[in-house]
Protein backbone atom coordinates (compact mmCIF):
# COMPACT_ATOMS: atom_id res chain seq x y z
CA MET A 1 -94.62 -13.82 164.40
CA SER A 2 -96.36 -11.45 161.97
CA ASP A 3 -94.15 -8.50 163.02
CA GLU A 4 -90.89 -10.42 162.62
CA LYS A 5 -88.80 -10.88 159.49
CA VAL A 6 -86.02 -13.27 158.50
CA THR A 7 -83.72 -13.20 155.52
CA CYS A 8 -85.05 -16.41 153.96
CA ILE A 9 -88.01 -18.74 154.40
CA VAL A 10 -87.68 -22.27 153.01
CA VAL A 11 -90.97 -24.11 152.48
CA GLY A 12 -90.56 -27.89 152.80
CA ALA A 13 -88.01 -29.96 154.74
CA GLY A 14 -87.24 -32.57 152.09
CA PRO A 15 -83.75 -32.95 150.57
CA ALA A 16 -83.96 -29.68 148.59
CA GLY A 17 -85.30 -27.59 151.46
CA SER A 18 -82.98 -28.98 154.11
CA ALA A 19 -79.96 -28.59 151.81
CA ALA A 20 -80.86 -24.93 151.20
CA ALA A 21 -81.44 -24.27 154.92
CA LEU A 22 -78.18 -25.97 155.86
CA VAL A 23 -76.07 -23.93 153.41
CA LEU A 24 -77.74 -20.67 154.48
CA ALA A 25 -77.36 -21.41 158.18
CA CYS A 26 -73.68 -22.30 157.74
CA ALA A 27 -73.23 -18.92 156.04
CA GLY A 28 -74.71 -17.19 159.06
CA ILE A 29 -77.92 -16.18 157.27
CA GLU A 30 -81.16 -16.22 159.24
CA VAL A 31 -83.37 -18.92 157.72
CA LEU A 32 -86.74 -20.34 158.73
CA LEU A 33 -87.50 -23.88 157.54
CA LEU A 34 -91.24 -24.62 157.49
CA GLU A 35 -92.56 -28.19 157.23
CA ARG A 36 -96.26 -29.04 157.00
CA GLY A 37 -95.84 -32.53 158.48
CA GLU A 38 -96.22 -32.86 162.23
CA THR A 39 -92.71 -34.28 162.13
CA VAL A 40 -90.18 -34.07 159.32
CA GLY A 41 -90.49 -37.11 157.06
CA CYS A 42 -93.85 -38.29 158.39
CA LYS A 43 -95.60 -37.60 155.08
CA ASN A 44 -92.75 -38.69 152.83
CA LEU A 45 -93.53 -41.80 150.82
CA PHE A 46 -90.16 -42.33 149.18
CA GLY A 47 -88.36 -45.64 149.40
CA GLY A 48 -85.51 -45.80 146.94
CA VAL A 49 -81.97 -44.70 146.18
CA LEU A 50 -80.38 -41.66 147.76
CA TYR A 51 -77.53 -40.34 145.63
CA THR A 52 -75.08 -38.70 147.97
CA THR A 53 -72.55 -36.73 145.88
CA ILE A 54 -74.03 -33.40 147.03
CA LEU A 55 -74.54 -34.61 150.60
CA ASP A 56 -70.86 -35.55 150.70
CA LYS A 57 -69.91 -31.92 150.14
CA LEU A 58 -72.35 -30.65 152.76
CA ILE A 59 -71.74 -33.14 155.59
CA PRO A 60 -68.43 -35.02 155.24
CA THR A 61 -69.36 -37.37 158.10
CA TRP A 62 -72.69 -38.44 156.59
CA MET A 63 -71.68 -42.09 156.15
CA GLU A 64 -71.16 -42.49 159.89
CA GLU A 65 -74.26 -40.49 160.88
CA ALA A 66 -77.06 -40.81 158.32
CA PRO A 67 -79.73 -43.55 158.65
CA LEU A 68 -78.84 -45.62 155.57
CA GLU A 69 -80.30 -49.01 154.67
CA ARG A 70 -77.95 -50.59 152.09
CA TYR A 71 -75.44 -49.45 149.49
CA VAL A 72 -76.25 -50.38 145.89
CA THR A 73 -73.93 -52.92 144.28
CA ARG A 74 -76.48 -54.43 141.92
CA LYS A 75 -78.69 -52.76 139.31
CA ARG A 76 -81.36 -54.66 137.41
CA PHE A 77 -83.34 -53.48 134.37
CA SER A 78 -86.12 -55.84 133.41
CA LEU A 79 -88.45 -56.08 130.41
CA MET A 80 -91.51 -58.02 131.54
CA ALA A 81 -93.63 -60.19 129.26
CA LYS A 82 -96.76 -62.01 130.42
CA ASP A 83 -94.94 -64.92 132.02
CA SER A 84 -91.33 -64.11 131.19
CA GLU A 85 -88.59 -61.60 131.93
CA VAL A 86 -85.68 -60.37 129.84
CA ALA A 87 -83.25 -58.52 132.08
CA LEU A 88 -79.94 -56.73 132.20
CA ASP A 89 -78.48 -57.49 135.62
CA PHE A 90 -75.30 -55.70 136.68
CA LYS A 91 -73.49 -56.49 139.91
CA THR A 92 -70.04 -55.38 140.96
CA LYS A 93 -67.80 -55.64 144.00
CA ARG A 94 -66.05 -52.49 142.79
CA TYR A 95 -68.56 -50.27 144.57
CA GLU A 96 -67.81 -52.06 147.82
CA GLN A 97 -64.19 -50.90 147.51
CA HIS A 98 -65.21 -47.31 146.76
CA PRO A 99 -64.64 -45.21 149.93
CA LYS A 100 -68.17 -43.77 149.68
CA ARG A 101 -69.83 -46.87 148.12
CA ASN A 102 -70.37 -45.14 144.75
CA PHE A 103 -72.58 -42.55 146.49
CA SER A 104 -75.66 -44.78 146.00
CA PHE A 105 -77.64 -45.88 149.05
CA VAL A 106 -81.10 -47.31 149.57
CA VAL A 107 -82.87 -45.27 152.24
CA LEU A 108 -86.24 -44.79 153.85
CA ARG A 109 -86.84 -41.07 153.72
CA ALA A 110 -89.08 -41.18 156.78
CA LYS A 111 -85.81 -41.85 158.62
CA PHE A 112 -83.41 -39.84 156.50
CA ASP A 113 -85.32 -36.55 156.24
CA PRO A 114 -85.53 -35.90 160.02
CA TRP A 115 -81.80 -36.50 160.30
CA PHE A 116 -81.00 -34.12 157.42
CA ALA A 117 -83.34 -31.38 158.66
CA GLY A 118 -81.79 -31.85 162.09
CA LYS A 119 -78.35 -31.10 160.65
CA ALA A 120 -79.71 -27.84 159.21
CA GLU A 121 -81.18 -27.04 162.63
CA GLU A 122 -77.86 -27.79 164.33
CA ALA A 123 -76.21 -25.33 161.94
CA GLY A 124 -78.61 -22.59 163.04
CA ALA A 125 -81.72 -22.92 160.87
CA MET A 126 -85.03 -22.41 162.66
CA LEU A 127 -87.22 -25.44 162.01
CA ALA A 128 -91.00 -25.30 162.50
CA THR A 129 -93.19 -28.35 161.81
CA GLY A 130 -96.95 -28.79 161.52
CA ILE A 131 -97.23 -25.55 159.55
CA MET A 132 -98.75 -25.52 156.07
CA VAL A 133 -97.97 -22.57 153.84
CA LYS A 134 -101.22 -21.78 152.06
CA GLU A 135 -100.15 -18.73 150.05
CA LEU A 136 -97.46 -16.23 149.29
CA ILE A 137 -97.61 -12.65 150.49
CA ILE A 138 -96.91 -10.49 147.44
CA GLU A 139 -96.44 -6.74 147.49
CA ASN A 140 -95.89 -4.69 144.31
CA GLY A 141 -95.14 -7.90 142.41
CA LYS A 142 -92.49 -9.09 144.87
CA VAL A 143 -92.79 -12.04 147.23
CA ILE A 144 -92.23 -10.73 150.77
CA GLY A 145 -93.41 -13.66 152.87
CA VAL A 146 -95.94 -16.46 153.37
CA ARG A 147 -99.29 -16.96 155.04
CA THR A 148 -99.83 -20.24 156.88
CA GLU A 149 -102.38 -22.57 158.40
CA PRO A 150 -103.44 -23.06 161.10
CA GLY A 151 -103.82 -19.62 162.60
CA ASN A 152 -103.50 -17.55 159.44
CA GLU A 153 -100.03 -16.51 160.61
CA GLU A 154 -97.84 -14.31 158.41
CA TYR A 155 -94.09 -14.78 158.13
CA PHE A 156 -91.97 -12.22 156.29
CA ALA A 157 -88.63 -12.59 154.51
CA ASP A 158 -86.43 -11.02 151.86
CA VAL A 159 -86.71 -14.20 149.80
CA VAL A 160 -88.78 -17.40 149.85
CA ILE A 161 -87.48 -20.75 148.56
CA SER A 162 -90.14 -23.27 147.55
CA ALA A 163 -89.16 -26.88 148.23
CA GLU A 164 -92.75 -28.00 148.74
CA GLY A 165 -92.85 -30.85 146.22
CA VAL A 166 -94.76 -31.57 143.04
CA HIS A 167 -98.03 -29.97 144.21
CA SER A 168 -96.34 -26.54 144.47
CA TYR A 169 -99.25 -24.11 144.54
CA LEU A 170 -96.82 -21.36 145.50
CA THR A 171 -95.16 -21.75 142.10
CA LEU A 172 -98.55 -21.26 140.48
CA GLN A 173 -99.28 -18.20 142.62
CA ALA A 174 -95.88 -16.72 141.78
CA GLY A 175 -96.73 -16.92 138.08
CA LEU A 176 -94.08 -19.53 137.31
CA ARG A 177 -96.48 -22.32 136.43
CA HIS A 178 -99.65 -21.85 134.40
CA GLY A 179 -102.84 -23.89 134.47
CA GLU A 180 -103.34 -27.49 135.49
CA PHE A 181 -100.72 -30.23 135.46
CA ASP A 182 -100.28 -32.08 132.16
CA PRO A 183 -101.37 -35.67 132.95
CA ASP A 184 -98.70 -37.03 130.59
CA HIS A 185 -95.97 -35.39 132.65
CA ILE A 186 -97.10 -36.42 136.14
CA VAL A 187 -96.59 -39.93 137.51
CA THR A 188 -98.63 -41.42 140.32
CA ALA A 189 -96.61 -44.01 142.20
CA ALA A 190 -98.02 -46.60 144.59
CA LYS A 191 -95.61 -48.24 147.01
CA GLU A 192 -95.55 -50.94 149.67
CA VAL A 193 -92.90 -51.68 152.25
CA ILE A 194 -92.81 -55.46 152.68
CA LYS A 195 -91.09 -56.86 155.75
CA LEU A 196 -88.76 -59.83 155.29
CA ASP A 197 -85.99 -61.26 157.44
CA LYS A 198 -82.58 -59.82 156.67
CA SER A 199 -81.20 -63.28 155.92
CA VAL A 200 -84.05 -64.02 153.51
CA ILE A 201 -83.39 -60.79 151.59
CA GLU A 202 -79.68 -61.56 151.34
CA ASP A 203 -80.27 -65.13 150.15
CA ARG A 204 -83.05 -64.20 147.74
CA PHE A 205 -81.15 -61.32 146.14
CA GLN A 206 -77.68 -62.91 146.40
CA LEU A 207 -76.29 -60.21 148.66
CA GLU A 208 -73.49 -60.18 151.20
CA GLY A 209 -73.34 -57.94 154.24
CA ASN A 210 -74.91 -54.57 153.55
CA GLU A 211 -75.04 -54.83 149.75
CA GLY A 212 -78.26 -53.75 148.10
CA VAL A 213 -80.26 -53.97 144.86
CA ALA A 214 -82.03 -51.31 142.84
CA GLY A 215 -84.38 -52.90 140.32
CA ALA A 216 -86.39 -51.17 137.57
CA TYR A 217 -89.12 -53.02 135.66
CA PHE A 218 -90.95 -52.16 132.43
CA GLY A 219 -93.57 -53.76 130.22
CA GLU A 220 -96.42 -56.14 130.96
CA GLY A 221 -96.02 -55.91 134.74
CA LEU A 222 -97.48 -52.42 134.31
CA PHE A 223 -100.00 -53.53 131.66
CA GLY A 224 -97.49 -52.32 129.05
CA MET A 225 -98.06 -48.69 130.03
CA PHE A 226 -95.46 -45.92 130.13
CA GLY A 227 -93.99 -46.09 133.61
CA ALA A 228 -91.79 -48.28 135.74
CA GLY A 229 -91.96 -50.74 138.58
CA PHE A 230 -89.28 -50.82 141.23
CA VAL A 231 -87.85 -53.06 143.92
CA TYR A 232 -85.29 -51.79 146.46
CA THR A 233 -83.74 -53.82 149.24
CA ASN A 234 -83.75 -52.29 152.72
CA LYS A 235 -82.08 -53.92 155.71
CA ASP A 236 -85.07 -56.05 156.68
CA SER A 237 -87.74 -55.03 154.18
CA LEU A 238 -88.36 -54.35 150.50
CA SER A 239 -89.65 -51.14 148.97
CA ILE A 240 -91.73 -52.22 146.00
CA GLY A 241 -93.99 -50.17 143.78
CA THR A 242 -95.11 -48.88 140.42
CA GLY A 243 -95.29 -45.45 138.84
CA VAL A 244 -97.36 -44.68 135.73
CA THR A 245 -98.29 -41.34 134.18
CA ILE A 246 -101.77 -40.12 134.97
CA GLY A 247 -102.46 -39.82 131.24
CA GLU A 248 -101.68 -43.50 130.71
CA MET A 249 -103.94 -44.53 133.58
CA ILE A 250 -106.80 -42.46 132.17
CA ARG A 251 -106.38 -43.87 128.66
CA ASN A 252 -106.14 -47.46 129.92
CA LYS A 253 -108.77 -47.11 132.69
CA LYS A 254 -106.40 -48.32 135.43
CA ASN A 255 -105.77 -47.07 138.95
CA PRO A 256 -102.51 -47.11 140.98
CA ASN A 257 -103.60 -49.91 143.32
CA GLU A 258 -104.71 -52.12 140.43
CA ILE A 259 -101.35 -51.63 138.69
CA LEU A 260 -99.37 -52.38 141.84
CA GLU A 261 -101.34 -55.57 142.54
CA HIS A 262 -100.84 -56.71 138.94
CA PHE A 263 -97.12 -56.01 139.23
CA LYS A 264 -96.85 -58.02 142.45
CA GLN A 265 -98.45 -61.05 140.80
CA HIS A 266 -95.93 -61.23 137.96
CA PRO A 267 -93.68 -64.33 138.28
CA ALA A 268 -90.56 -62.13 138.33
CA ILE A 269 -91.87 -60.26 141.39
CA ARG A 270 -94.04 -62.82 143.14
CA THR A 271 -91.07 -64.96 144.18
CA LEU A 272 -89.14 -61.94 145.48
CA ILE A 273 -91.84 -60.92 147.94
CA ARG A 274 -93.02 -64.43 148.89
CA GLY A 275 -93.60 -64.75 152.62
CA GLY A 276 -93.33 -61.03 153.24
CA GLU A 277 -95.70 -58.87 155.28
CA THR A 278 -96.92 -55.52 153.99
CA ILE A 279 -96.28 -52.99 156.75
CA GLU A 280 -96.81 -49.77 154.79
CA TYR A 281 -98.82 -48.64 151.78
CA SER A 282 -98.63 -45.19 150.22
CA ALA A 283 -99.05 -43.19 147.02
CA HIS A 284 -97.11 -40.24 145.70
CA MET A 285 -96.97 -37.94 142.66
CA ILE A 286 -93.70 -37.49 140.77
CA PRO A 287 -93.02 -34.76 138.19
CA GLU A 288 -91.76 -35.91 134.80
CA TYR A 289 -91.74 -32.50 133.16
CA GLY A 290 -88.37 -32.95 131.54
CA TYR A 291 -86.31 -30.00 130.39
CA ASP A 292 -88.95 -28.51 128.10
CA HIS A 293 -91.97 -28.53 130.44
CA ARG A 294 -90.50 -27.42 133.76
CA PRO A 295 -91.93 -24.31 135.42
CA GLY A 296 -90.09 -21.04 135.87
CA LEU A 297 -87.45 -21.15 138.58
CA PHE A 298 -87.29 -17.60 139.93
CA ASN A 299 -89.18 -14.38 140.36
CA ASP A 300 -88.85 -11.29 142.53
CA GLY A 301 -88.14 -12.62 146.02
CA PHE A 302 -88.86 -16.24 145.09
CA LEU A 303 -86.94 -19.40 144.04
CA VAL A 304 -88.17 -22.93 143.21
CA THR A 305 -86.25 -26.15 143.93
CA GLY A 306 -86.56 -29.94 143.79
CA ASP A 307 -89.80 -31.59 142.71
CA ALA A 308 -91.56 -28.23 142.72
CA ALA A 309 -89.22 -27.26 139.87
CA GLY A 310 -89.64 -30.62 138.11
CA LEU A 311 -85.99 -31.51 138.71
CA VAL A 312 -86.27 -35.27 138.29
CA ASN A 313 -84.22 -37.32 135.84
CA SER A 314 -86.80 -39.96 134.95
CA SER A 315 -84.62 -41.73 132.39
CA HIS A 316 -83.12 -45.14 133.14
CA HIS A 317 -80.90 -43.34 135.68
CA GLN A 318 -83.99 -42.50 137.79
CA GLU A 319 -82.34 -39.74 139.82
CA GLY A 320 -84.09 -37.19 141.96
CA THR A 321 -82.57 -36.81 145.41
CA ASN A 322 -79.22 -35.56 144.11
CA LEU A 323 -80.92 -33.08 141.77
CA ALA A 324 -83.07 -31.88 144.66
CA MET A 325 -80.11 -31.35 146.98
CA ALA A 326 -78.10 -29.64 144.26
CA SER A 327 -80.96 -27.26 143.51
CA GLY A 328 -81.24 -26.44 147.22
CA VAL A 329 -77.52 -25.70 147.38
CA TYR A 330 -77.62 -23.47 144.29
CA ALA A 331 -80.69 -21.65 145.56
CA ALA A 332 -78.93 -20.98 148.86
CA GLU A 333 -75.78 -19.79 147.09
CA THR A 334 -77.95 -17.42 145.06
CA VAL A 335 -79.53 -16.04 148.22
CA ILE A 336 -76.07 -15.53 149.73
CA GLU A 337 -75.08 -13.45 146.70
CA ALA A 338 -78.35 -11.51 146.92
CA VAL A 339 -77.66 -10.74 150.58
CA LYS A 340 -74.25 -9.34 149.65
CA LYS A 341 -75.90 -7.07 147.07
CA ASN A 342 -78.95 -6.39 149.26
CA ASP A 343 -80.94 -7.07 146.10
CA PHE A 344 -83.57 -9.85 145.93
CA SER A 345 -84.98 -8.86 142.55
CA LYS A 346 -85.72 -11.22 139.71
CA ALA A 347 -82.62 -9.98 137.91
CA THR A 348 -80.33 -10.94 140.78
CA LEU A 349 -82.06 -14.25 141.54
CA SER A 350 -81.79 -15.27 137.87
CA MET A 351 -78.24 -16.44 138.61
CA TYR A 352 -79.90 -19.50 140.21
CA GLU A 353 -81.03 -20.81 136.82
CA GLN A 354 -77.59 -20.17 135.38
CA LYS A 355 -76.04 -22.22 138.17
CA LEU A 356 -78.41 -25.08 137.34
CA GLU A 357 -77.67 -24.76 133.61
CA ASN A 358 -73.95 -25.03 134.30
CA SER A 359 -74.38 -28.11 136.49
CA PHE A 360 -75.31 -31.73 135.87
CA VAL A 361 -78.91 -30.93 136.90
CA LEU A 362 -80.16 -29.17 133.77
CA LYS A 363 -77.51 -30.68 131.52
CA ASP A 364 -78.91 -34.14 132.29
CA LEU A 365 -82.52 -33.01 131.91
CA LYS A 366 -81.62 -31.48 128.56
CA LYS A 367 -79.95 -34.72 127.45
CA TYR A 368 -83.14 -36.72 128.10
CA ARG A 369 -85.58 -33.97 127.11
CA HIS A 370 -87.29 -36.13 124.45
CA MET A 371 -87.79 -39.27 126.53
CA THR A 372 -91.29 -38.65 127.88
CA ASN A 373 -92.60 -37.57 124.49
CA PHE A 374 -91.07 -40.65 122.85
CA PHE A 375 -92.90 -43.10 125.12
CA ASN A 376 -96.13 -41.12 125.01
CA THR A 377 -96.14 -41.16 121.20
CA ASN A 378 -94.85 -44.73 120.87
CA PRO A 379 -96.98 -46.71 123.33
CA HIS A 380 -96.22 -49.96 121.50
CA PHE A 381 -92.58 -49.80 122.59
CA LEU A 382 -93.15 -50.97 126.17
CA ARG A 383 -96.24 -52.98 125.25
CA ASP A 384 -95.02 -55.05 122.28
CA TYR A 385 -91.24 -55.30 122.36
CA PRO A 386 -90.90 -57.02 125.76
CA GLU A 387 -93.39 -59.68 124.64
CA LEU A 388 -91.60 -60.12 121.32
CA ALA A 389 -88.17 -60.38 122.95
CA ALA A 390 -89.39 -62.98 125.45
CA GLU A 391 -91.17 -65.02 122.76
CA LEU A 392 -88.18 -65.05 120.40
CA LEU A 393 -85.73 -65.95 123.16
CA GLY A 394 -88.12 -68.66 124.34
CA ASP A 395 -88.17 -70.15 120.83
CA TYR A 396 -84.41 -69.83 120.46
CA PHE A 397 -83.59 -71.65 123.70
CA ALA A 398 -86.38 -74.26 123.45
CA LEU A 399 -84.79 -77.69 123.34
CA SER A 400 -85.64 -79.83 120.28
CA ASP A 401 -84.07 -82.20 117.77
CA ARG A 402 -84.06 -79.54 115.08
CA PRO A 403 -80.70 -78.24 113.89
CA LYS A 404 -79.70 -74.99 115.58
CA GLY A 405 -79.28 -73.23 112.24
CA GLU A 406 -82.87 -74.05 111.30
CA VAL A 407 -84.12 -72.79 114.64
CA GLU A 408 -82.23 -69.52 114.19
CA LYS A 409 -83.71 -68.98 110.74
CA GLU A 410 -87.23 -69.63 112.03
CA VAL A 411 -86.75 -67.18 114.91
CA PHE A 412 -85.49 -64.55 112.49
CA ARG A 413 -88.44 -65.15 110.12
CA LYS A 414 -90.89 -64.81 113.01
CA MET A 415 -89.28 -61.55 114.08
CA ARG A 416 -89.58 -60.16 110.52
CA ARG A 417 -93.24 -61.21 110.33
CA ARG A 418 -94.07 -59.56 113.64
CA VAL A 419 -92.08 -56.37 113.15
CA PRO A 420 -90.65 -55.32 109.78
CA ILE A 421 -86.93 -54.63 109.97
CA LEU A 422 -87.35 -51.00 108.87
CA THR A 423 -89.95 -50.40 111.60
CA MET A 424 -87.73 -51.94 114.26
CA LEU A 425 -84.68 -49.94 113.15
CA THR A 426 -86.74 -46.75 113.14
CA ASP A 427 -88.05 -47.47 116.65
CA LEU A 428 -84.57 -48.23 117.95
CA TRP A 429 -83.20 -45.04 116.40
CA LYS A 430 -85.93 -42.97 118.04
CA ALA A 431 -85.30 -44.70 121.37
CA LYS A 432 -81.56 -44.06 121.08
CA LYS A 433 -82.15 -40.35 120.50
CA ALA A 434 -84.51 -40.18 123.50
CA LEU A 435 -82.44 -42.20 125.96
CA MET A 436 -78.78 -41.82 125.02
């Protein structure tokens, strides 16, 4: 194919890449979607929540067609102490009444991604799998195509969209990312899919029908390190895992498997997975660049989307799929405008970043821009406060013959001895600025 040229090449058939290819194909623009997996989704390790607001605009019939596991009606945020758990647990029937189930669905991306890429292909995108893009072809400073393996084939295009994920070497080659990854802004997640009977899951998690749970866990279950554990309910399995920054693992001399096994043994988790069979194990890197550390997004003939652009909201909202799809849509819209102008220069493609700035994508990243730095510079927050909260609540609710007023005073005195009031207020103020 070295003598052929298309308007756009999209590298990576995840949510960002397939969204971009779908929009371009629907606009009648020739687009080639390249995926390095032998099949789309075969290398994807995601098991979590798919946020479908963008998908709803692209494929109105997605609820009837897409391979969905459960819709989320319950969210759980847990602070884990050594043998205790302090949790905020929110469950509502309101989302069941929502016509699109609040746009929040647990999925297995190994099932979802092939379906989504297939919709782009149906619209006219050319999909090629088992092809790894090893480098960009650059001429006079402008990206004009890609070189692949195997076969050292060359594919040419007016513009290339990178949707290749966090490892994005093309972004580095294009001069939009410099040097090695910062270990404090990259998370390594380890995940298991644990098979359980559908009825067991529904009884254990207090679910009816196709309701689902998205649970996030912090504190001692991850050795008090900066990161999060997660539990998601599929139809007849659980997706369970942990994600901790590489910097934290280096400083604490822990590895992803060790953290996951420790998490699974915590009393709050052990009972949830009891009797289950592990049918899948995987690991994955997640960018937590935030607003201030993301790479450049555009250059002459080149755009960056999704994880490759660091577009992950790693706050308590834990959103990524909707940001990825949105970035793919905005990249495609930018290409459509460039086609109209017959101009694929950096100046023209810069409208892509403006589209992101005007959307929830970069507005949300900007809102939580200080979060990663806060937890990296305040490691005691997830290490000490969950233990303190569990200990004080344990004392407060311990049954005795002492008057309740005396117990309350003793709990308050213990809290003041452990953490001075001024220190606690300062920590809470910093956390509020980082997370709210």
